[in-house]
PDB file of N, CA and C in Angstrom:
ATOM      1  N   MET A   1     -10.232   3.725  19.105  1.00  0.00           N
ATOM      2  CA  MET A   1      -8.662   2.662  18.813  1.00  0.00           C
ATOM      3  C   MET A   1      -8.719   2.941  17.177  1.00  0.00           C
ATOM      4  N   GLY A   2      -7.269   2.549  16.936  1.00  0.00           N
ATOM      5  CA  GLY A   2      -6.665   2.759  16.430  1.00  0.00           C
ATOM      6  C   GLY A   2      -6.726   1.978  15.085  1.00  0.00           C
ATOM      7  N   LYS A   3      -6.392   2.322  13.984  1.00  0.00           N
ATOM      8  CA  LYS A   3      -6.028   1.504  12.884  1.00  0.00           C
ATOM      9  C   LYS A   3      -5.982   1.963  11.393  1.00  0.00           C
ATOM     10  N   LEU A   4      -5.199   1.483  10.246  1.00  0.00           N
ATOM     11  CA  LEU A   4      -4.235   1.557   9.360  1.00  0.00           C
ATOM     12  C   LEU A   4      -5.569   0.967   8.223  1.00  0.00           C
ATOM     13  N   THR A   5      -5.914   2.026   7.217  1.00  0.00           N
ATOM     14  CA  THR A   5      -5.796   2.157   5.584  1.00  0.00           C
ATOM     15  C   THR A   5      -5.560   2.214   4.477  1.00  0.00           C
ATOM     16  N   THR A   6      -5.779   2.384   3.684  1.00  0.00           N
ATOM     17  CA  THR A   6      -4.944   2.600   2.599  1.00  0.00           C
ATOM     18  C   THR A   6      -5.977   2.720   1.079  1.00  0.00           C
ATOM     19  N   HIS A   7      -4.942   3.540   0.568  1.00  0.00           N
ATOM     20  CA  HIS A   7      -6.087   4.122  -1.105  1.00  0.00           C
ATOM     21  C   HIS A   7      -5.313   3.583  -2.292  1.00  0.00           C
ATOM     22  N   VAL A   8      -5.309   3.485  -3.610  1.00  0.00           N
ATOM     23  CA  VAL A   8      -4.453   3.674  -3.639  1.00  0.00           C
ATOM     24  C   VAL A   8      -5.364   3.830  -5.339  1.00  0.00           C
ATOM     25  N   LEU A   9      -4.619   5.140  -6.479  1.00  0.00           N
ATOM     26  CA  LEU A   9      -5.421   5.238  -7.309  1.00  0.00           C
ATOM     27  C   LEU A   9      -4.473   5.236  -8.579  1.00  0.00           C
ATOM     28  N   ASP A  10      -5.303   5.172  -9.304  1.00  0.00           N
ATOM     29  CA  ASP A  10      -3.524   4.979 -11.120  1.00  0.00           C
ATOM     30  C   ASP A  10      -3.850   6.077 -11.934  1.00  0.00           C
ATOM     31  N   THR A  11      -3.014   6.848 -11.701  1.00  0.00           N
ATOM     32  CA  THR A  11      -2.699   8.219 -12.610  1.00  0.00           C
ATOM     33  C   THR A  11      -2.371   8.635 -13.228  1.00  0.00           C
ATOM     34  N   ALA A  12      -2.504   7.088 -14.215  1.00  0.00           N
ATOM     35  CA  ALA A  12      -2.255   7.061 -15.804  1.00  0.00           C
ATOM     36  C   ALA A  12      -4.055   6.787 -16.751  1.00  0.00           C
ATOM     37  N   ASN A  13      -4.309   6.194 -15.603  1.00  0.00           N
ATOM     38  CA  ASN A  13      -6.086   5.672 -15.800  1.00  0.00           C
ATOM     39  C   ASN A  13      -6.492   6.790 -15.732  1.00  0.00           C
ATOM     40  N   GLY A  14      -6.230   7.678 -14.979  1.00  0.00           N
ATOM     41  CA  GLY A  14      -7.952   8.200 -13.634  1.00  0.00           C
ATOM     42  C   GLY A  14      -9.024   7.078 -13.386  1.00  0.00           C
ATOM     43  N   CYS A  15      -8.403   5.872 -12.512  1.00  0.00           N
ATOM     44  CA  CYS A  15      -9.199   5.642 -11.384  1.00  0.00           C
ATOM     45  C   CYS A  15      -8.721   5.125 -10.481  1.00  0.00           C
ATOM     46  N   PRO A  16      -9.752   4.012  -9.627  1.00  0.00           N
ATOM     47  CA  PRO A  16      -9.240   3.719  -8.461  1.00  0.00           C
ATOM     48  C   PRO A  16      -8.147   2.455  -9.342  1.00  0.00           C
ATOM     49  N   ALA A  17      -7.246   1.642  -8.326  1.00  0.00           N
ATOM     50  CA  ALA A  17      -6.201   0.306  -8.810  1.00  0.00           C
ATOM     51  C   ALA A  17      -7.002  -0.659  -8.141  1.00  0.00           C
ATOM     52  N   ALA A  18      -7.670  -1.213  -8.537  1.00  0.00           N
ATOM     53  CA  ALA A  18      -8.603  -2.350  -8.685  1.00  0.00           C
ATOM     54  C   ALA A  18      -7.740  -3.258  -8.878  1.00  0.00           C
ATOM     55  N   GLY A  19      -7.865  -4.078  -7.769  1.00  0.00           N
ATOM     56  CA  GLY A  19      -6.866  -5.307  -7.691  1.00  0.00           C
ATOM     57  C   GLY A  19      -5.085  -5.185  -7.366  1.00  0.00           C
ATOM     58  N   MET A  20      -4.927  -4.392  -7.724  1.00  0.00           N
ATOM     59  CA  MET A  20      -3.714  -4.432  -7.046  1.00  0.00           C
ATOM     60  C   MET A  20      -3.733  -5.498  -5.652  1.00  0.00           C
ATOM     61  N   GLY A  21      -2.167  -5.777  -5.443  1.00  0.00           N
ATOM     62  CA  GLY A  21      -1.722  -6.393  -4.235  1.00  0.00           C
ATOM     63  C   GLY A  21      -1.044  -5.258  -3.622  1.00  0.00           C
ATOM     64  N   VAL A  22      -1.107  -5.673  -2.895  1.00  0.00           N
ATOM     65  CA  VAL A  22      -0.283  -5.106  -1.271  1.00  0.00           C
ATOM     66  C   VAL A  22       0.249  -6.099  -0.247  1.00  0.00           C
ATOM     67  N   ARG A  23       1.227  -5.372   0.347  1.00  0.00           N
ATOM     68  CA  ARG A  23       1.825  -6.258   1.202  1.00  0.00           C
ATOM     69  C   ARG A  23       1.943  -5.583   2.805  1.00  0.00           C
ATOM     70  N   LEU A  24       1.771  -5.932   4.114  1.00  0.00           N
ATOM     71  CA  LEU A  24       1.949  -5.269   4.955  1.00  0.00           C
ATOM     72  C   LEU A  24       3.531  -5.839   5.491  1.00  0.00           C
ATOM     73  N   TYR A  25       3.875  -5.211   6.411  1.00  0.00           N
ATOM     74  CA  TYR A  25       5.265  -5.377   6.759  1.00  0.00           C
ATOM     75  C   TYR A  25       5.366  -4.673   8.407  1.00  0.00           C
ATOM     76  N   ARG A  26       6.028  -5.542   9.322  1.00  0.00           N
ATOM     77  CA  ARG A  26       6.234  -4.330  10.772  1.00  0.00           C
ATOM     78  C   ARG A  26       7.665  -4.780  10.928  1.00  0.00           C
ATOM     79  N   PHE A  27       8.167  -3.817  11.375  1.00  0.00           N
ATOM     80  CA  PHE A  27       9.777  -4.069  11.737  1.00  0.00           C
ATOM     81  C   PHE A  27      10.069  -4.659  13.021  1.00  0.00           C
ATOM     82  N   ASP A  28      11.135  -5.588  13.634  1.00  0.00           N
ATOM     83  CA  ASP A  28      11.729  -5.726  14.421  1.00  0.00           C
ATOM     84  C   ASP A  28      12.778  -5.871  14.674  1.00  0.00           C
ATOM     85  N   ALA A  29      13.091  -6.341  15.101  1.00  0.00           N
ATOM     86  CA  ALA A  29      14.937  -6.380  15.652  1.00  0.00           C
ATOM     87  C   ALA A  29      15.941  -7.320  14.801  1.00  0.00           C
ATOM     88  N   GLN A  30      15.139  -8.199  13.944  1.00  0.00           N
ATOM     89  CA  GLN A  30      15.469  -8.576  12.842  1.00  0.00           C
ATOM     90  C   GLN A  30      15.282  -8.582  11.290  1.00  0.00           C
ATOM     91  N   GLY A  31      14.384  -7.086  11.534  1.00  0.00           N
ATOM     92  CA  GLY A  31      14.007  -7.005  10.075  1.00  0.00           C
ATOM     93  C   GLY A  31      12.111  -6.813  10.092  1.00  0.00           C
ATOM     94  N   PRO A  32      11.949  -6.607   8.354  1.00  0.00           N
ATOM     95  CA  PRO A  32      10.506  -7.203   8.618  1.00  0.00           C
ATOM     96  C   PRO A  32       9.543  -7.894   8.246  1.00  0.00           C
ATOM     97  N   GLN A  33       9.185  -7.994   8.656  1.00  0.00           N
ATOM     98  CA  GLN A  33       8.451  -9.169   9.603  1.00  0.00           C
ATOM     99  C   GLN A  33       6.815  -9.424   8.142  1.00  0.00           C
ATOM    100  N   TRP A  34       6.435 -10.467   7.614  1.00  0.00           N
ATOM    101  CA  TRP A  34       5.434 -10.025   6.737  1.00  0.00           C
ATOM    102  C   TRP A  34       4.128 -10.104   8.453  1.00  0.00           C
ATOM    103  N   LEU A  35       3.233  -9.700   7.972  1.00  0.00           N
ATOM    104  CA  LEU A  35       1.903  -9.921   8.372  1.00  0.00           C
ATOM    105  C   LEU A  35       1.245 -10.208   7.581  1.00  0.00           C
ATOM    106  N   ARG A  36       0.970  -9.943   6.452  1.00  0.00           N
ATOM    107  CA  ARG A  36      -0.365 -10.263   6.153  1.00  0.00           C
ATOM    108  C   ARG A  36      -0.545  -9.491   4.174  1.00  0.00           C
ATOM    109  N   SER A  37      -1.441  -9.790   3.392  1.00  0.00           N
ATOM    110  CA  SER A  37      -1.365  -9.232   1.934  1.00  0.00           C
ATOM    111  C   SER A  37      -2.753  -9.295   1.449  1.00  0.00           C
ATOM    112  N   LEU A  38      -2.566  -8.526   0.861  1.00  0.00           N
ATOM    113  CA  LEU A  38      -4.314  -8.113   0.177  1.00  0.00           C
ATOM    114  C   LEU A  38      -4.373  -7.825  -1.131  1.00  0.00           C
ATOM    115  N   HIS A  39      -5.005  -7.936  -1.794  1.00  0.00           N
ATOM    116  CA  HIS A  39      -5.961  -7.165  -3.134  1.00  0.00           C
ATOM    117  C   HIS A  39      -7.236  -5.863  -2.766  1.00  0.00           C
ATOM    118  N   LEU A  40      -6.582  -5.018  -3.694  1.00  0.00           N
ATOM    119  CA  LEU A  40      -7.688  -3.844  -3.081  1.00  0.00           C
ATOM    120  C   LEU A  40      -8.972  -3.831  -3.660  1.00  0.00           C
ATOM    121  N   ASN A  41     -10.115  -3.339  -3.703  1.00  0.00           N
ATOM    122  CA  ASN A  41     -11.519  -3.183  -4.161  1.00  0.00           C
ATOM    123  C   ASN A  41     -11.143  -3.010  -5.248  1.00  0.00           C
ATOM    124  N   GLY A  42     -13.347  -2.785  -5.781  1.00  0.00           N
ATOM    125  CA  GLY A  42     -12.918  -1.888  -6.908  1.00  0.00           C
ATOM    126  C   GLY A  42     -12.981  -0.229  -6.933  1.00  0.00           C
ATOM    127  N   ASP A  43     -12.478  -0.240  -5.082  1.00  0.00           N
ATOM    128  CA  ASP A  43     -12.622   1.254  -4.979  1.00  0.00           C
ATOM    129  C   ASP A  43     -11.160   1.741  -5.267  1.00  0.00           C
ATOM    130  N   GLY A  44     -10.302   0.416  -5.042  1.00  0.00           N
ATOM    131  CA  GLY A  44      -9.070   1.092  -4.569  1.00  0.00           C
ATOM    132  C   GLY A  44      -8.728   0.535  -3.626  1.00  0.00           C
ATOM    133  N   ARG A  45      -9.729   0.817  -2.214  1.00  0.00           N
ATOM    134  CA  ARG A  45      -9.235   0.224  -0.742  1.00  0.00           C
ATOM    135  C   ARG A  45      -9.700  -1.512  -0.437  1.00  0.00           C
ATOM    136  N   ALA A  46      -8.835  -1.637   0.793  1.00  0.00           N
ATOM    137  CA  ALA A  46      -8.455  -2.937   0.691  1.00  0.00           C
ATOM    138  C   ALA A  46     -10.592  -2.668   1.807  1.00  0.00           C
ATOM    139  N   ASP A  47     -11.292  -4.275   1.668  1.00  0.00           N
ATOM    140  CA  ASP A  47     -12.297  -3.680   2.129  1.00  0.00           C
ATOM    141  C   ASP A  47     -12.447  -3.943   3.342  1.00  0.00           C
ATOM    142  N   GLY A  48     -11.301  -3.164   4.163  1.00  0.00           N
ATOM    143  CA  GLY A  48     -12.126  -3.130   5.711  1.00  0.00           C
ATOM    144  C   GLY A  48     -10.342  -2.953   6.449  1.00  0.00           C
ATOM    145  N   PRO A  49     -10.418  -2.389   7.504  1.00  0.00           N
ATOM    146  CA  PRO A  49      -8.848  -1.381   8.014  1.00  0.00           C
ATOM    147  C   PRO A  49      -7.620  -2.877   7.177  1.00  0.00           C
ATOM    148  N   VAL A  50      -6.525  -2.179   7.508  1.00  0.00           N
ATOM    149  CA  VAL A  50      -5.358  -2.796   6.942  1.00  0.00           C
ATOM    150  C   VAL A  50      -4.837  -3.756   8.600  1.00  0.00           C
ATOM    151  N   LEU A  51      -4.580  -2.940   9.055  1.00  0.00           N
ATOM    152  CA  LEU A  51      -3.744  -3.582  10.657  1.00  0.00           C
ATOM    153  C   LEU A  51      -4.828  -2.472  11.712  1.00  0.00           C
ATOM    154  N   GLU A  52      -5.698  -3.184  12.590  1.00  0.00           N
ATOM    155  CA  GLU A  52      -6.338  -3.148  13.557  1.00  0.00           C
ATOM    156  C   GLU A  52      -6.279  -3.161  15.107  1.00  0.00           C
ATOM    157  N   GLY A  53      -7.171  -2.958  15.882  1.00  0.00           N
ATOM    158  CA  GLY A  53      -6.922  -3.364  16.621  1.00  0.00           C
ATOM    159  C   GLY A  53      -5.936  -3.897  18.017  1.00  0.00           C
ATOM    160  N   THR A  54      -6.011  -5.243  18.203  1.00  0.00           N
ATOM    161  CA  THR A  54      -4.828  -5.653  19.776  1.00  0.00           C
ATOM    162  C   THR A  54      -3.549  -5.641  18.384  1.00  0.00           C
ATOM    163  N   ASP A  55      -3.312  -6.013  16.734  1.00  0.00           N
ATOM    164  CA  ASP A  55      -2.519  -6.130  16.144  1.00  0.00           C
ATOM    165  C   ASP A  55      -1.993  -4.340  16.266  1.00  0.00           C
ATOM    166  N   PHE A  56      -2.804  -3.512  16.544  1.00  0.00           N
ATOM    167  CA  PHE A  56      -2.246  -2.287  15.895  1.00  0.00           C
ATOM    168  C   PHE A  56      -1.458  -2.039  16.512  1.00  0.00           C
ATOM    169  N   LEU A  57       0.230  -2.229  16.680  1.00  0.00           N
ATOM    170  CA  LEU A  57       0.736  -1.527  17.516  1.00  0.00           C
ATOM    171  C   LEU A  57       1.901   0.040  16.518  1.00  0.00           C
ATOM    172  N   ALA A  58       2.391   0.611  17.977  1.00  0.00           N
ATOM    173  CA  ALA A  58       3.292   1.924  17.817  1.00  0.00           C
ATOM    174  C   ALA A  58       4.556   1.067  17.381  1.00  0.00           C
ATOM    175  N   GLY A  59       5.247   2.054  16.002  1.00  0.00           N
ATOM    176  CA  GLY A  59       6.865   0.758  15.508  1.00  0.00           C
ATOM    177  C   GLY A  59       6.488   1.157  13.803  1.00  0.00           C
ATOM    178  N   ARG A  60       7.488   0.466  13.478  1.00  0.00           N
ATOM    179  CA  ARG A  60       7.498   0.514  11.618  1.00  0.00           C
ATOM    180  C   ARG A  60       7.490  -0.225  10.801  1.00  0.00           C
ATOM    181  N   TYR A  61       7.025   0.206   9.952  1.00  0.00           N
ATOM    182  CA  TYR A  61       6.033  -0.390   9.254  1.00  0.00           C
ATOM    183  C   TYR A  61       6.512  -0.007   7.664  1.00  0.00           C
ATOM    184  N   ARG A  62       5.879  -1.169   6.693  1.00  0.00           N
ATOM    185  CA  ARG A  62       6.077  -0.868   5.004  1.00  0.00           C
ATOM    186  C   ARG A  62       5.128  -1.888   4.758  1.00  0.00           C
ATOM    187  N   LEU A  63       4.433  -0.737   3.698  1.00  0.00           N
ATOM    188  CA  LEU A  63       3.177  -1.186   3.331  1.00  0.00           C
ATOM    189  C   LEU A  63       3.867  -1.843   1.314  1.00  0.00           C
ATOM    190  N   VAL A  64       4.512  -2.399   0.650  1.00  0.00           N
ATOM    191  CA  VAL A  64       4.814  -3.112  -0.775  1.00  0.00           C
ATOM    192  C   VAL A  64       3.597  -3.038  -1.526  1.00  0.00           C
ATOM    193  N   PHE A  65       3.359  -1.821  -2.863  1.00  0.00           N
ATOM    194  CA  PHE A  65       2.922  -2.058  -3.357  1.00  0.00           C
ATOM    195  C   PHE A  65       3.048  -2.374  -4.531  1.00  0.00           C
ATOM    196  N   GLU A  66       2.390  -3.586  -5.259  1.00  0.00           N
ATOM    197  CA  GLU A  66       2.554  -4.463  -6.547  1.00  0.00           C
ATOM    198  C   GLU A  66       2.167  -3.403  -8.126  1.00  0.00           C
ATOM    199  N   VAL A  67       2.907  -2.453  -8.399  1.00  0.00           N
ATOM    200  CA  VAL A  67       3.012  -1.492  -9.117  1.00  0.00           C
ATOM    201  C   VAL A  67       2.435  -2.089 -10.384  1.00  0.00           C
ATOM    202  N   ALA A  68       4.025  -2.858 -11.262  1.00  0.00           N
ATOM    203  CA  ALA A  68       3.519  -3.466 -12.065  1.00  0.00           C
ATOM    204  C   ALA A  68       2.985  -4.699 -12.813  1.00  0.00           C
ATOM    205  N   ALA A  69       2.239  -5.081 -11.811  1.00  0.00           N
ATOM    206  CA  ALA A  69       2.253  -6.576 -11.202  1.00  0.00           C
ATOM    207  C   ALA A  69       0.113  -5.681 -11.896  1.00  0.00           C
ATOM    208  N   TYR A  70       0.221  -4.797 -11.409  1.00  0.00           N
ATOM    209  CA  TYR A  70      -1.209  -4.211 -11.620  1.00  0.00           C
ATOM    210  C   TYR A  70      -1.493  -3.715 -13.270  1.00  0.00           C
ATOM    211  N   PHE A  71      -0.169  -2.839 -13.250  1.00  0.00           N
ATOM    212  CA  PHE A  71      -0.291  -2.348 -14.877  1.00  0.00           C
ATOM    213  C   PHE A  71      -0.443  -3.027 -16.032  1.00  0.00           C
ATOM    214  N   ARG A  72       0.404  -4.224 -16.181  1.00  0.00           N
ATOM    215  CA  ARG A  72       0.551  -5.484 -17.018  1.00  0.00           C
ATOM    216  C   ARG A  72      -1.178  -6.156 -17.047  1.00  0.00           C
ATOM    217  N   ASP A  73      -1.829  -6.316 -15.743  1.00  0.00           N
ATOM    218  CA  ASP A  73      -2.927  -6.441 -16.090  1.00  0.00           C
ATOM    219  C   ASP A  73      -3.518  -6.027 -16.224  1.00  0.00           C
ATOM    220  N   ARG A  74      -3.305  -4.480 -16.458  1.00  0.00           N
ATOM    221  CA  ARG A  74      -4.601  -3.790 -17.369  1.00  0.00           C
ATOM    222  C   ARG A  74      -4.527  -4.099 -18.940  1.00  0.00           C
ATOM    223  N   GLY A  75      -3.149  -4.768 -18.633  1.00  0.00           N
ATOM    224  CA  GLY A  75      -2.886  -4.988 -20.249  1.00  0.00           C
ATOM    225  C   GLY A  75      -1.640  -3.787 -20.847  1.00  0.00           C
ATOM    226  N   GLU A  76      -1.274  -3.258 -19.852  1.00  0.00           N
ATOM    227  CA  GLU A  76      -0.391  -2.172 -20.346  1.00  0.00           C
ATOM    228  C   GLU A  76       0.735  -3.019 -20.211  1.00  0.00           C
ATOM    229  N   THR A  77       2.058  -1.975 -21.194  1.00  0.00           N
ATOM    230  CA  THR A  77       3.509  -3.048 -22.093  1.00  0.00           C
ATOM    231  C   THR A  77       4.274  -2.608 -21.588  1.00  0.00           C
ATOM    232  N   LEU A  78       4.787  -2.908 -20.572  1.00  0.00           N
ATOM    233  CA  LEU A  78       6.327  -2.184 -19.340  1.00  0.00           C
ATOM    234  C   LEU A  78       7.122  -2.642 -19.906  1.00  0.00           C
ATOM    235  N   PRO A  79       8.510  -1.854 -20.019  1.00  0.00           N
ATOM    236  CA  PRO A  79      10.021  -2.370 -20.154  1.00  0.00           C
ATOM    237  C   PRO A  79      10.392  -3.466 -19.205  1.00  0.00           C
ATOM    238  N   GLU A  80      11.432  -4.238 -19.861  1.00  0.00           N
ATOM    239  CA  GLU A  80      11.536  -4.444 -18.913  1.00  0.00           C
ATOM    240  C   GLU A  80      13.298  -5.279 -18.358  1.00  0.00           C
ATOM    241  N   PRO A  81      13.462  -4.918 -17.758  1.00  0.00           N
ATOM    242  CA  PRO A  81      12.971  -4.590 -15.972  1.00  0.00           C
ATOM    243  C   PRO A  81      11.828  -3.182 -16.068  1.00  0.00           C
ATOM    244  N   PRO A  82      11.200  -2.831 -15.531  1.00  0.00           N
ATOM    245  CA  PRO A  82       9.952  -2.126 -15.567  1.00  0.00           C
ATOM    246  C   PRO A  82      10.283  -0.914 -14.336  1.00  0.00           C
ATOM    247  N   PHE A  83      10.187   0.241 -14.892  1.00  0.00           N
ATOM    248  CA  PHE A  83      10.924   1.547 -13.766  1.00  0.00           C
ATOM    249  C   PHE A  83      10.667   1.230 -12.784  1.00  0.00           C
ATOM    250  N   LEU A  84       8.734   0.988 -12.456  1.00  0.00           N
ATOM    251  CA  LEU A  84       8.706   0.611 -10.982  1.00  0.00           C
ATOM    252  C   LEU A  84       7.570  -1.014 -11.061  1.00  0.00           C
ATOM    253  N   ASP A  85       8.877  -1.231 -10.284  1.00  0.00           N
ATOM    254  CA  ASP A  85       7.739  -2.601 -10.294  1.00  0.00           C
ATOM    255  C   ASP A  85       7.163  -2.968  -8.509  1.00  0.00           C
ATOM    256  N   GLU A  86       7.919  -3.079  -7.449  1.00  0.00           N
ATOM    257  CA  GLU A  86       7.054  -2.481  -6.364  1.00  0.00           C
ATOM    258  C   GLU A  86       7.643  -1.318  -6.144  1.00  0.00           C
ATOM    259  N   VAL A  87       6.292  -1.128  -4.990  1.00  0.00           N
ATOM    260  CA  VAL A  87       6.465   0.753  -4.381  1.00  0.00           C
ATOM    261  C   VAL A  87       6.757   0.454  -3.012  1.00  0.00           C
ATOM    262  N   PRO A  88       7.755   0.391  -2.101  1.00  0.00           N
ATOM    263  CA  PRO A  88       7.707   0.355  -0.693  1.00  0.00           C
ATOM    264  C   PRO A  88       7.487   1.797  -0.005  1.00  0.00           C
ATOM    265  N   LEU A  89       6.347   1.905   0.814  1.00  0.00           N
ATOM    266  CA  LEU A  89       6.396   2.846   1.580  1.00  0.00           C
ATOM    267  C   LEU A  89       7.017   2.371   2.736  1.00  0.00           C
ATOM    268  N   ASP A  90       7.604   3.503   4.084  1.00  0.00           N
ATOM    269  CA  ASP A  90       7.866   2.189   5.070  1.00  0.00           C
ATOM    270  C   ASP A  90       7.556   3.796   6.345  1.00  0.00           C
ATOM    271  N   PHE A  91       7.065   3.377   7.167  1.00  0.00           N
ATOM    272  CA  PHE A  91       6.334   4.418   7.983  1.00  0.00           C
ATOM    273  C   PHE A  91       6.213   4.376   9.166  1.00  0.00           C
ATOM    274  N   GLY A  92       5.646   5.005  10.336  1.00  0.00           N
ATOM    275  CA  GLY A  92       5.479   5.015  11.619  1.00  0.00           C
ATOM    276  C   GLY A  92       4.226   4.909  12.351  1.00  0.00           C
ATOM    277  N   ILE A  93       4.372   4.665  13.088  1.00  0.00           N
ATOM    278  CA  ILE A  93       2.967   4.592  13.401  1.00  0.00           C
ATOM    279  C   ILE A  93       3.419   5.036  15.171  1.00  0.00           C
ATOM    280  N   ALA A  94       2.939   6.204  15.682  1.00  0.00           N
ATOM    281  CA  ALA A  94       3.231   6.299  17.239  1.00  0.00           C
ATOM    282  C   ALA A  94       2.330   6.463  18.099  1.00  0.00           C
ATOM    283  N   ASP A  95       1.076   6.850  17.518  1.00  0.00           N
ATOM    284  CA  ASP A  95      -0.039   7.166  17.971  1.00  0.00           C
ATOM    285  C   ASP A  95      -0.897   6.100  17.935  1.00  0.00           C
ATOM    286  N   VAL A  96      -1.125   4.634  18.607  1.00  0.00           N
ATOM    287  CA  VAL A  96      -2.245   3.408  18.813  1.00  0.00           C
ATOM    288  C   VAL A  96      -3.227   4.245  18.445  1.00  0.00           C
ATOM    289  N   SER A  97      -4.236   5.463  18.978  1.00  0.00           N
ATOM    290  CA  SER A  97      -5.547   6.241  19.467  1.00  0.00           C
ATOM    291  C   SER A  97      -5.891   6.258  17.865  1.00  0.00           C
ATOM    292  N   SER A  98      -4.750   6.645  17.109  1.00  0.00           N
ATOM    293  CA  SER A  98      -5.136   7.530  16.042  1.00  0.00           C
ATOM    294  C   SER A  98      -5.399   6.790  14.295  1.00  0.00           C
ATOM    295  N   HIS A  99      -5.766   7.417  13.303  1.00  0.00           N
ATOM    296  CA  HIS A  99      -6.228   6.510  12.042  1.00  0.00           C
ATOM    297  C   HIS A  99      -5.021   6.660  11.091  1.00  0.00           C
ATOM    298  N   TYR A 100      -4.120   6.144  10.597  1.00  0.00           N
ATOM    299  CA  TYR A 100      -3.403   6.240   9.921  1.00  0.00           C
ATOM    300  C   TYR A 100      -3.593   5.945   8.634  1.00  0.00           C
ATOM    301  N   HIS A 101      -3.828   6.865   7.102  1.00  0.00           N
ATOM    302  CA  HIS A 101      -4.165   6.586   5.978  1.00  0.00           C
ATOM    303  C   HIS A 101      -3.015   6.627   5.660  1.00  0.00           C
ATOM    304  N   VAL A 102      -2.492   5.530   4.591  1.00  0.00           N
ATOM    305  CA  VAL A 102      -1.297   5.265   3.964  1.00  0.00           C
ATOM    306  C   VAL A 102      -2.172   5.897   2.619  1.00  0.00           C
ATOM    307  N   PRO A 103      -2.018   6.677   1.585  1.00  0.00           N
ATOM    308  CA  PRO A 103      -2.566   6.167   0.589  1.00  0.00           C
ATOM    309  C   PRO A 103      -1.323   6.717  -0.934  1.00  0.00           C
ATOM    310  N   LEU A 104      -1.464   5.555  -2.408  1.00  0.00           N
ATOM    311  CA  LEU A 104      -0.062   6.485  -3.029  1.00  0.00           C
ATOM    312  C   LEU A 104      -1.259   6.504  -4.385  1.00  0.00           C
ATOM    313  N   LEU A 105      -0.783   7.508  -5.627  1.00  0.00           N
ATOM    314  CA  LEU A 105      -0.908   7.548  -6.693  1.00  0.00           C
ATOM    315  C   LEU A 105       0.271   7.326  -7.402  1.00  0.00           C
ATOM    316  N   ALA A 106      -0.097   6.481  -8.143  1.00  0.00           N
ATOM    317  CA  ALA A 106       0.886   5.652  -9.108  1.00  0.00           C
ATOM    318  C   ALA A 106       0.064   5.786 -10.322  1.00  0.00           C
ATOM    319  N   SER A 107       1.433   5.234 -11.026  1.00  0.00           N
ATOM    320  CA  SER A 107       1.521   5.463 -12.912  1.00  0.00           C
ATOM    321  C   SER A 107       2.642   4.244 -13.097  1.00  0.00           C
ATOM    322  N   PRO A 108       2.872   3.777 -13.770  1.00  0.00           N
ATOM    323  CA  PRO A 108       3.759   2.714 -14.541  1.00  0.00           C
ATOM    324  C   PRO A 108       5.670   3.924 -14.298  1.00  0.00           C
ATOM    325  N   TRP A 109       5.700   5.046 -14.269  1.00  0.00           N
ATOM    326  CA  TRP A 109       6.792   5.916 -14.430  1.00  0.00           C
ATOM    327  C   TRP A 109       6.393   6.462 -13.179  1.00  0.00           C
ATOM    328  N   SER A 110       5.659   6.221 -12.454  1.00  0.00           N
ATOM    329  CA  SER A 110       6.033   7.971 -10.949  1.00  0.00           C
ATOM    330  C   SER A 110       4.833   7.109  -9.722  1.00  0.00           C
ATOM    331  N   TYR A 111       4.938   8.030  -8.578  1.00  0.00           N
ATOM    332  CA  TYR A 111       4.013   7.349  -7.589  1.00  0.00           C
ATOM    333  C   TYR A 111       4.029   8.783  -6.268  1.00  0.00           C
ATOM    334  N   SER A 112       3.376   8.770  -5.477  1.00  0.00           N
ATOM    335  CA  SER A 112       3.666  10.375  -5.011  1.00  0.00           C
ATOM    336  C   SER A 112       2.749   9.602  -3.203  1.00  0.00           C
ATOM    337  N   THR A 113       3.408   9.255  -2.234  1.00  0.00           N
ATOM    338  CA  THR A 113       2.096   9.502  -1.405  1.00  0.00           C
ATOM    339  C   THR A 113       2.149  11.018   0.168  1.00  0.00           C
ATOM    340  N   TYR A 114       1.207  10.666   1.196  1.00  0.00           N
ATOM    341  CA  TYR A 114       0.813  12.003   1.405  1.00  0.00           C
ATOM    342  C   TYR A 114       0.579  10.390   3.161  1.00  0.00           C
ATOM    343  N   ARG A 115       0.579  11.675   3.962  1.00  0.00           N
ATOM    344  CA  ARG A 115      -1.358  10.935   5.010  1.00  0.00           C
ATOM    345  C   ARG A 115      -2.271  10.969   5.394  1.00  0.00           C
ATOM    346  N   GLY A 116      -2.965  10.660   4.913  1.00  0.00           N
ATOM    347  CA  GLY A 116      -4.005  10.434   4.253  1.00  0.00           C
ATOM    348  C   GLY A 116      -5.046  10.654   5.268  1.00  0.00           C
ATOM    349  N   SER A 117      -6.607  11.256   5.899  1.00  0.00           N
ATOM    350  CA  SER A 117      -6.920  11.164   6.782  1.00  0.00           C
ATOM    351  C   SER A 117      -8.648  10.310   6.757  1.00  0.00           C
TER     352      SER A 117
END
C-alpha cells in the first residue's frame, strides 16, 4: 500500500529541521482542502506517514512548510517580511501503490526539493 512521507533538512545550520510545522492539503474542484497539520520530530521527519491507507488517493496535493517560523524559533533574525515565509510544494500522486517521499532542503534564503525514495 502506498504512502506519503516528508523530511526537511536545515541547510543553513547543517541539521534536521526539528519542530518545523507542515500542513497538507488535497486539491478538489473548490481548490485546496486542508487535511492535517504536524510538526517534524528531532530527525526532521513526521513521526509516521503524512498520508496512507484509504486516505492515500490519486490527485493533486500541497505540502506547506513553515520555514520562517522555524528559523525564528531557532533564534535567527529575519527581515520583515522574510524572504521565505511559507514554502508551498504542489505535487501529484498518480500511483497509490507507491511510496511518495517529498523532502525539502531549506534555509532562510533558498530551498530545493525532489522526489525521494
